[in-house]
Amino acid sequence: LLLLTVKLFQSHPEILDKHQKRFSHVQIDE
């Protein structure tokens, strides 16, 4: 689930761009 997401972002810049535009602010707990 994590590894393929990274692979998707690396091999398909247009898909990464789409998900980057989804979120303007990100928070990570722990």
PDB file of all heavy atoms in Angstrom:
ATOM      1  N   LEU A   1       0.844  -1.201   0.000  1.00  0.00           N
ATOM      2  CA  LEU A   1       0.000   0.000   0.000  1.00  0.00           C
ATOM      3  C   LEU A   1       0.880   1.253   0.000  1.00  0.00           C
ATOM      4  O   LEU A   1       0.603   2.223  -0.711  1.00  0.00           O
ATOM      5  CB  LEU A   1      -0.934   0.009   1.211  1.00  0.00           C
ATOM      6  CG  LEU A   1      -2.004  -1.092   1.242  1.00  0.00           C
ATOM      7  CD1 LEU A   1      -2.770  -1.053   2.555  1.00  0.00           C
ATOM      8  CD2 LEU A   1      -2.950  -0.966   0.058  1.00  0.00           C
ATOM      9  N   LEU A   2       1.947   1.215   0.792  1.00  0.00           N
ATOM     10  CA  LEU A   2       2.863   2.361   0.857  1.00  0.00           C
ATOM     11  C   LEU A   2       3.845   2.339  -0.313  1.00  0.00           C
ATOM     12  O   LEU A   2       4.066   3.359  -0.972  1.00  0.00           O
ATOM     13  CB  LEU A   2       3.630   2.344   2.182  1.00  0.00           C
ATOM     14  CG  LEU A   2       2.790   2.283   3.467  1.00  0.00           C
ATOM     15  CD1 LEU A   2       3.687   2.274   4.690  1.00  0.00           C
ATOM     16  CD2 LEU A   2       1.821   3.436   3.550  1.00  0.00           C
ATOM     17  N   LEU A   3       4.423   1.174  -0.565  1.00  0.00           N
ATOM     18  CA  LEU A   3       5.454   1.054  -1.598  1.00  0.00           C
ATOM     19  C   LEU A   3       4.905   1.403  -2.983  1.00  0.00           C
ATOM     20  O   LEU A   3       5.546   2.127  -3.755  1.00  0.00           O
ATOM     21  CB  LEU A   3       6.011  -0.371  -1.598  1.00  0.00           C
ATOM     22  CG  LEU A   3       7.290  -0.619  -2.398  1.00  0.00           C
ATOM     23  CD1 LEU A   3       8.439   0.208  -1.844  1.00  0.00           C
ATOM     24  CD2 LEU A   3       7.654  -2.099  -2.381  1.00  0.00           C
ATOM     25  N   LEU A   4       3.706   0.908  -3.298  1.00  0.00           N
ATOM     26  CA  LEU A   4       3.123   1.176  -4.621  1.00  0.00           C
ATOM     27  C   LEU A   4       2.699   2.637  -4.765  1.00  0.00           C
ATOM     28  O   LEU A   4       2.708   3.184  -5.865  1.00  0.00           O
ATOM     29  CB  LEU A   4       1.936   0.241  -4.877  1.00  0.00           C
ATOM     30  CG  LEU A   4       2.293  -1.248  -5.038  1.00  0.00           C
ATOM     31  CD1 LEU A   4       1.032  -2.090  -5.188  1.00  0.00           C
ATOM     32  CD2 LEU A   4       3.220  -1.471  -6.230  1.00  0.00           C
ATOM     33  N   THR A   5       2.331   3.264  -3.643  1.00  0.00           N
ATOM     34  CA  THR A   5       2.007   4.701  -3.693  1.00  0.00           C
ATOM     35  C   THR A   5       3.252   5.498  -4.069  1.00  0.00           C
ATOM     36  O   THR A   5       3.206   6.396  -4.922  1.00  0.00           O
ATOM     37  CB  THR A   5       1.438   5.177  -2.341  1.00  0.00           C
ATOM     38  OG1 THR A   5       0.243   4.441  -2.058  1.00  0.00           O
ATOM     39  CG2 THR A   5       1.115   6.659  -2.364  1.00  0.00           C
ATOM     40  N   VAL A   6       4.395   5.157  -3.447  1.00  0.00           N
ATOM     41  CA  VAL A   6       5.654   5.831  -3.798  1.00  0.00           C
ATOM     42  C   VAL A   6       5.996   5.573  -5.266  1.00  0.00           C
ATOM     43  O   VAL A   6       6.386   6.491  -6.003  1.00  0.00           O
ATOM     44  CB  VAL A   6       6.802   5.339  -2.876  1.00  0.00           C
ATOM     45  CG1 VAL A   6       8.158   5.799  -3.401  1.00  0.00           C
ATOM     46  CG2 VAL A   6       6.596   5.854  -1.459  1.00  0.00           C
ATOM     47  N   LYS A   7       5.848   4.334  -5.696  1.00  0.00           N
ATOM     48  CA  LYS A   7       6.147   3.970  -7.084  1.00  0.00           C
ATOM     49  C   LYS A   7       5.259   4.743  -8.053  1.00  0.00           C
ATOM     50  O   LYS A   7       5.710   5.238  -9.097  1.00  0.00           O
ATOM     51  CB  LYS A   7       5.941   2.462  -7.263  1.00  0.00           C
ATOM     52  CG  LYS A   7       6.480   1.900  -8.567  1.00  0.00           C
ATOM     53  CD  LYS A   7       6.375   0.378  -8.574  1.00  0.00           C
ATOM     54  CE  LYS A   7       6.908  -0.203  -9.895  1.00  0.00           C
ATOM     55  NZ  LYS A   7       6.767  -1.674  -9.928  1.00  0.00           N
ATOM     56  N   LEU A   8       3.991   4.874  -7.693  1.00  0.00           N
ATOM     57  CA  LEU A   8       3.033   5.630  -8.515  1.00  0.00           C
ATOM     58  C   LEU A   8       3.466   7.088  -8.635  1.00  0.00           C
ATOM     59  O   LEU A   8       3.472   7.668  -9.735  1.00  0.00           O
ATOM     60  CB  LEU A   8       1.661   5.531  -7.851  1.00  0.00           C
ATOM     61  CG  LEU A   8       0.415   5.894  -8.642  1.00  0.00           C
ATOM     62  CD1 LEU A   8       0.247   5.004  -9.870  1.00  0.00           C
ATOM     63  CD2 LEU A   8      -0.815   5.763  -7.743  1.00  0.00           C
ATOM     64  N   PHE A   9       3.848   7.683  -7.506  1.00  0.00           N
ATOM     65  CA  PHE A   9       4.275   9.086  -7.509  1.00  0.00           C
ATOM     66  C   PHE A   9       5.556   9.279  -8.330  1.00  0.00           C
ATOM     67  O   PHE A   9       5.721  10.286  -9.030  1.00  0.00           O
ATOM     68  CB  PHE A   9       4.504   9.576  -6.076  1.00  0.00           C
ATOM     69  CG  PHE A   9       3.241   9.802  -5.280  1.00  0.00           C
ATOM     70  CD1 PHE A   9       3.302  10.100  -3.924  1.00  0.00           C
ATOM     71  CD2 PHE A   9       1.985   9.731  -5.881  1.00  0.00           C
ATOM     72  CE1 PHE A   9       2.152  10.331  -3.185  1.00  0.00           C
ATOM     73  CE2 PHE A   9       0.818   9.958  -5.148  1.00  0.00           C
ATOM     74  CZ  PHE A   9       0.903  10.254  -3.792  1.00  0.00           C
ATOM     75  N   GLN A  10       6.467   8.300  -8.233  1.00  0.00           N
ATOM     76  CA  GLN A  10       7.743   8.430  -8.946  1.00  0.00           C
ATOM     77  C   GLN A  10       7.588   8.244 -10.452  1.00  0.00           C
ATOM     78  O   GLN A  10       8.202   8.964 -11.238  1.00  0.00           O
ATOM     79  CB  GLN A  10       8.739   7.388  -8.410  1.00  0.00           C
ATOM     80  CG  GLN A  10       9.292   7.714  -7.038  1.00  0.00           C
ATOM     81  CD  GLN A  10      10.187   6.599  -6.513  1.00  0.00           C
ATOM     82  OE1 GLN A  10      10.054   5.444  -6.897  1.00  0.00           O
ATOM     83  NE2 GLN A  10      11.096   6.944  -5.611  1.00  0.00           N
ATOM     84  N   SER A  11       6.762   7.279 -10.843  1.00  0.00           N
ATOM     85  CA  SER A  11       6.681   6.933 -12.272  1.00  0.00           C
ATOM     86  C   SER A  11       5.609   7.698 -13.027  1.00  0.00           C
ATOM     87  O   SER A  11       5.589   7.683 -14.258  1.00  0.00           O
ATOM     88  CB  SER A  11       6.455   5.424 -12.433  1.00  0.00           C
ATOM     89  OG  SER A  11       5.303   5.006 -11.726  1.00  0.00           O
ATOM     90  N   HIS A  12       4.715   8.371 -12.309  1.00  0.00           N
ATOM     91  CA  HIS A  12       3.629   9.102 -12.986  1.00  0.00           C
ATOM     92  C   HIS A  12       3.488  10.500 -12.379  1.00  0.00           C
ATOM     93  O   HIS A  12       2.647  10.729 -11.503  1.00  0.00           O
ATOM     94  CB  HIS A  12       2.312   8.328 -12.869  1.00  0.00           C
ATOM     95  CG  HIS A  12       2.339   7.003 -13.584  1.00  0.00           C
ATOM     96  ND1 HIS A  12       2.063   6.879 -14.933  1.00  0.00           N
ATOM     97  CD2 HIS A  12       2.646   5.761 -13.132  1.00  0.00           C
ATOM     98  CE1 HIS A  12       2.183   5.597 -15.280  1.00  0.00           C
ATOM     99  NE2 HIS A  12       2.537   4.911 -14.219  1.00  0.00           N
ATOM    100  N   PRO A  13       4.315  11.453 -12.832  1.00  0.00           N
ATOM    101  CA  PRO A  13       4.286  12.811 -12.263  1.00  0.00           C
ATOM    102  C   PRO A  13       2.910  13.451 -12.303  1.00  0.00           C
ATOM    103  O   PRO A  13       2.555  14.230 -11.405  1.00  0.00           O
ATOM    104  CB  PRO A  13       5.278  13.592 -13.159  1.00  0.00           C
ATOM    105  CG  PRO A  13       6.161  12.539 -13.763  1.00  0.00           C
ATOM    106  CD  PRO A  13       5.323  11.314 -13.893  1.00  0.00           C
ATOM    107  N   GLU A  14       2.122  13.126 -13.340  1.00  0.00           N
ATOM    108  CA  GLU A  14       0.795  13.739 -13.452  1.00  0.00           C
ATOM    109  C   GLU A  14      -0.136  13.258 -12.329  1.00  0.00           C
ATOM    110  O   GLU A  14      -0.999  14.012 -11.842  1.00  0.00           O
ATOM    111  CB  GLU A  14       0.172  13.448 -14.832  1.00  0.00           C
ATOM    112  CG  GLU A  14      -0.334  12.025 -15.069  1.00  0.00           C
ATOM    113  CD  GLU A  14       0.755  10.969 -15.263  1.00  0.00           C
ATOM    114  OE1 GLU A  14       1.968  11.315 -15.269  1.00  0.00           O
ATOM    115  OE2 GLU A  14       0.387   9.779 -15.422  1.00  0.00           O
ATOM    116  N   ILE A  15       0.048  12.000 -11.887  1.00  0.00           N
ATOM    117  CA  ILE A  15      -0.758  11.480 -10.774  1.00  0.00           C
ATOM    118  C   ILE A  15      -0.315  12.127  -9.467  1.00  0.00           C
ATOM    119  O   ILE A  15      -1.141  12.525  -8.640  1.00  0.00           O
ATOM    120  CB  ILE A  15      -0.651   9.936 -10.707  1.00  0.00           C
ATOM    121  CG1 ILE A  15      -1.375   9.313 -11.903  1.00  0.00           C
ATOM    122  CG2 ILE A  15      -1.234   9.406  -9.395  1.00  0.00           C
ATOM    123  CD1 ILE A  15      -1.219   7.807 -12.032  1.00  0.00           C
ATOM    124  N   LEU A  16       1.005  12.267  -9.277  1.00  0.00           N
ATOM    125  CA  LEU A  16       1.505  12.966  -8.095  1.00  0.00           C
ATOM    126  C   LEU A  16       0.960  14.386  -8.059  1.00  0.00           C
ATOM    127  O   LEU A  16       0.480  14.853  -7.014  1.00  0.00           O
ATOM    128  CB  LEU A  16       3.039  12.989  -8.092  1.00  0.00           C
ATOM    129  CG  LEU A  16       3.686  13.877  -7.015  1.00  0.00           C
ATOM    130  CD1 LEU A  16       3.276  13.438  -5.611  1.00  0.00           C
ATOM    131  CD2 LEU A  16       5.212  13.861  -7.144  1.00  0.00           C
ATOM    132  N   ASP A  17       0.989  15.068  -9.185  1.00  0.00           N
ATOM    133  CA  ASP A  17       0.504  16.455  -9.266  1.00  0.00           C
ATOM    134  C   ASP A  17      -0.960  16.533  -8.830  1.00  0.00           C
ATOM    135  O   ASP A  17      -1.357  17.447  -8.091  1.00  0.00           O
ATOM    136  CB  ASP A  17       0.674  16.969 -10.702  1.00  0.00           C
ATOM    137  CG  ASP A  17       0.232  18.416 -10.839  1.00  0.00           C
ATOM    138  OD1 ASP A  17       0.845  19.288 -10.180  1.00  0.00           O
ATOM    139  OD2 ASP A  17      -0.736  18.682 -11.585  1.00  0.00           O
ATOM    140  N   LYS A  18      -1.763  15.565  -9.269  1.00  0.00           N
ATOM    141  CA  LYS A  18      -3.189  15.545  -8.912  1.00  0.00           C
ATOM    142  C   LYS A  18      -3.372  15.455  -7.398  1.00  0.00           C
ATOM    143  O   LYS A  18      -4.179  16.186  -6.811  1.00  0.00           O
ATOM    144  CB  LYS A  18      -3.869  14.351  -9.598  1.00  0.00           C
ATOM    145  CG  LYS A  18      -5.344  14.201  -9.250  1.00  0.00           C
ATOM    146  CD  LYS A  18      -5.993  13.044 -10.002  1.00  0.00           C
ATOM    147  CE  LYS A  18      -5.744  11.727  -9.326  1.00  0.00           C
ATOM    148  NZ  LYS A  18      -6.544  10.626  -9.896  1.00  0.00           N
ATOM    149  N   HIS A  19      -2.590  14.584  -6.761  1.00  0.00           N
ATOM    150  CA  HIS A  19      -2.745  14.407  -5.310  1.00  0.00           C
ATOM    151  C   HIS A  19      -2.097  15.542  -4.521  1.00  0.00           C
ATOM    152  O   HIS A  19      -2.554  15.873  -3.427  1.00  0.00           O
ATOM    153  CB  HIS A  19      -2.204  13.040  -4.894  1.00  0.00           C
ATOM    154  CG  HIS A  19      -3.046  11.906  -5.402  1.00  0.00           C
ATOM    155  ND1 HIS A  19      -4.280  11.601  -4.874  1.00  0.00           N
ATOM    156  CD2 HIS A  19      -2.853  11.024  -6.428  1.00  0.00           C
ATOM    157  CE1 HIS A  19      -4.807  10.581  -5.533  1.00  0.00           C
ATOM    158  NE2 HIS A  19      -3.966  10.213  -6.478  1.00  0.00           N
ATOM    159  N   GLN A  20      -1.057  16.148  -5.075  1.00  0.00           N
ATOM    160  CA  GLN A  20      -0.480  17.336  -4.425  1.00  0.00           C
ATOM    161  C   GLN A  20      -1.507  18.465  -4.379  1.00  0.00           C
ATOM    162  O   GLN A  20      -1.589  19.206  -3.400  1.00  0.00           O
ATOM    163  CB  GLN A  20       0.765  17.801  -5.181  1.00  0.00           C
ATOM    164  CG  GLN A  20       1.997  16.928  -4.935  1.00  0.00           C
ATOM    165  CD  GLN A  20       3.166  17.315  -5.830  1.00  0.00           C
ATOM    166  OE1 GLN A  20       2.965  17.798  -6.948  1.00  0.00           O
ATOM    167  NE2 GLN A  20       4.388  17.097  -5.357  1.00  0.00           N
ATOM    168  N   LYS A  21      -2.288  18.586  -5.453  1.00  0.00           N
ATOM    169  CA  LYS A  21      -3.294  19.662  -5.526  1.00  0.00           C
ATOM    170  C   LYS A  21      -4.501  19.396  -4.626  1.00  0.00           C
ATOM    171  O   LYS A  21      -5.266  20.309  -4.326  1.00  0.00           O
ATOM    172  CB  LYS A  21      -3.743  19.850  -6.972  1.00  0.00           C
ATOM    173  CG  LYS A  21      -2.682  20.539  -7.823  1.00  0.00           C
ATOM    174  CD  LYS A  21      -3.074  20.593  -9.281  1.00  0.00           C
ATOM    175  CE  LYS A  21      -2.000  21.326 -10.094  1.00  0.00           C
ATOM    176  NZ  LYS A  21      -2.223  21.194 -11.551  1.00  0.00           N
ATOM    177  N   ARG A  22      -4.678  18.138  -4.204  1.00  0.00           N
ATOM    178  CA  ARG A  22      -5.813  17.810  -3.320  1.00  0.00           C
ATOM    179  C   ARG A  22      -5.674  18.484  -1.961  1.00  0.00           C
ATOM    180  O   ARG A  22      -6.669  18.859  -1.342  1.00  0.00           O
ATOM    181  CB  ARG A  22      -5.891  16.293  -3.089  1.00  0.00           C
ATOM    182  CG  ARG A  22      -6.492  15.500  -4.205  1.00  0.00           C
ATOM    183  CD  ARG A  22      -6.424  14.007  -3.895  1.00  0.00           C
ATOM    184  NE  ARG A  22      -7.271  13.606  -2.782  1.00  0.00           N
ATOM    185  CZ  ARG A  22      -7.276  12.402  -2.234  1.00  0.00           C
ATOM    186  NH1 ARG A  22      -6.446  11.475  -2.690  1.00  0.00           N
ATOM    187  NH2 ARG A  22      -8.084  12.107  -1.241  1.00  0.00           N
ATOM    188  N   PHE A  23      -4.421  18.601  -1.465  1.00  0.00           N
ATOM    189  CA  PHE A  23      -4.206  19.060  -0.089  1.00  0.00           C
ATOM    190  C   PHE A  23      -3.268  20.273  -0.055  1.00  0.00           C
ATOM    191  O   PHE A  23      -2.153  20.214  -0.572  1.00  0.00           O
ATOM    192  CB  PHE A  23      -3.603  17.934   0.755  1.00  0.00           C
ATOM    193  CG  PHE A  23      -4.406  16.658   0.726  1.00  0.00           C
ATOM    194  CD1 PHE A  23      -3.891  15.504   0.132  1.00  0.00           C
ATOM    195  CD2 PHE A  23      -5.680  16.611   1.273  1.00  0.00           C
ATOM    196  CE1 PHE A  23      -4.628  14.332   0.108  1.00  0.00           C
ATOM    197  CE2 PHE A  23      -6.429  15.445   1.246  1.00  0.00           C
ATOM    198  CZ  PHE A  23      -5.907  14.303   0.657  1.00  0.00           C
ATOM    199  N   SER A  24      -3.730  21.347   0.589  1.00  0.00           N
ATOM    200  CA  SER A  24      -2.878  22.537   0.717  1.00  0.00           C
ATOM    201  C   SER A  24      -2.168  22.565   2.071  1.00  0.00           C
ATOM    202  O   SER A  24      -1.206  23.312   2.248  1.00  0.00           O
ATOM    203  CB  SER A  24      -3.713  23.806   0.552  1.00  0.00           C
ATOM    204  OG  SER A  24      -4.676  23.904   1.599  1.00  0.00           O
ATOM    205  N   HIS A  25      -2.669  21.758   3.021  1.00  0.00           N
ATOM    206  CA  HIS A  25      -2.062  21.701   4.356  1.00  0.00           C
ATOM    207  C   HIS A  25      -2.064  20.255   4.842  1.00  0.00           C
ATOM    208  O   HIS A  25      -3.092  19.575   4.775  1.00  0.00           O
ATOM    209  CB  HIS A  25      -2.829  22.573   5.356  1.00  0.00           C
ATOM    210  CG  HIS A  25      -2.677  24.043   5.091  1.00  0.00           C
ATOM    211  ND1 HIS A  25      -3.346  24.688   4.065  1.00  0.00           N
ATOM    212  CD2 HIS A  25      -1.908  24.990   5.705  1.00  0.00           C
ATOM    213  CE1 HIS A  25      -2.998  25.967   4.070  1.00  0.00           C
ATOM    214  NE2 HIS A  25      -2.138  26.173   5.046  1.00  0.00           N
ATOM    215  N   VAL A  26      -0.913  19.817   5.334  1.00  0.00           N
ATOM    216  CA  VAL A  26      -0.770  18.424   5.794  1.00  0.00           C
ATOM    217  C   VAL A  26      -0.271  18.417   7.238  1.00  0.00           C
ATOM    218  O   VAL A  26       0.630  19.184   7.600  1.00  0.00           O
ATOM    219  CB  VAL A  26       0.210  17.642   4.881  1.00  0.00           C
ATOM    220  CG1 VAL A  26       0.427  16.226   5.412  1.00  0.00           C
ATOM    221  CG2 VAL A  26      -0.316  17.594   3.446  1.00  0.00           C
ATOM    222  N   GLN A  27      -0.876  17.546   8.056  1.00  0.00           N
ATOM    223  CA  GLN A  27      -0.442  17.364   9.449  1.00  0.00           C
ATOM    224  C   GLN A  27      -0.154  15.878   9.678  1.00  0.00           C
ATOM    225  O   GLN A  27      -0.890  15.028   9.194  1.00  0.00           O
ATOM    226  CB  GLN A  27      -1.545  17.797  10.426  1.00  0.00           C
ATOM    227  CG  GLN A  27      -1.947  19.251  10.273  1.00  0.00           C
ATOM    228  CD  GLN A  27      -2.940  19.692  11.357  1.00  0.00           C
ATOM    229  OE1 GLN A  27      -2.895  20.815  11.803  1.00  0.00           O
ATOM    230  NE2 GLN A  27      -3.823  18.807  11.792  1.00  0.00           N
ATOM    231  N   ILE A  28       0.921  15.587  10.398  1.00  0.00           N
ATOM    232  CA  ILE A  28       1.271  14.199  10.711  1.00  0.00           C
ATOM    233  C   ILE A  28       1.410  14.061  12.222  1.00  0.00           C
ATOM    234  O   ILE A  28       2.182  14.788  12.851  1.00  0.00           O
ATOM    235  CB  ILE A  28       2.610  13.768  10.056  1.00  0.00           C
ATOM    236  CG1 ILE A  28       2.638  14.127   8.567  1.00  0.00           C
ATOM    237  CG2 ILE A  28       2.842  12.264  10.270  1.00  0.00           C
ATOM    238  CD1 ILE A  28       1.692  13.366   7.695  1.00  0.00           C
ATOM    239  N   ASP A  29       0.665  13.114  12.803  1.00  0.00           N
ATOM    240  CA  ASP A  29       0.761  12.829  14.234  1.00  0.00           C
ATOM    241  C   ASP A  29       1.769  11.695  14.453  1.00  0.00           C
ATOM    242  O   ASP A  29       2.039  10.918  13.535  1.00  0.00           O
ATOM    243  CB  ASP A  29      -0.627  12.415  14.750  1.00  0.00           C
ATOM    244  CG  ASP A  29      -0.684  12.331  16.266  1.00  0.00           C
ATOM    245  OD1 ASP A  29       0.232  12.862  16.928  1.00  0.00           O
ATOM    246  OD2 ASP A  29      -1.647  11.727  16.784  1.00  0.00           O
ATOM    247  N   GLU A  30       2.306  11.575  15.649  1.00  0.00           N
ATOM    248  CA  GLU A  30       3.269  10.511  16.006  1.00  0.00           C
ATOM    249  C   GLU A  30       4.395  10.430  14.969  1.00  0.00           C
ATOM    250  O   GLU A  30       4.777   9.365  14.506  1.00  0.00           O
ATOM    251  CB  GLU A  30       2.562   9.148  16.122  1.00  0.00           C
ATOM    252  CG  GLU A  30       1.434   9.093  17.130  1.00  0.00           C
ATOM    253  CD  GLU A  30       1.903   9.069  18.585  1.00  0.00           C
ATOM    254  OE1 GLU A  30       3.118   9.221  18.817  1.00  0.00           O
ATOM    255  OE2 GLU A  30       1.051   8.914  19.469  1.00  0.00           O
TER     256      GLU A  30
END
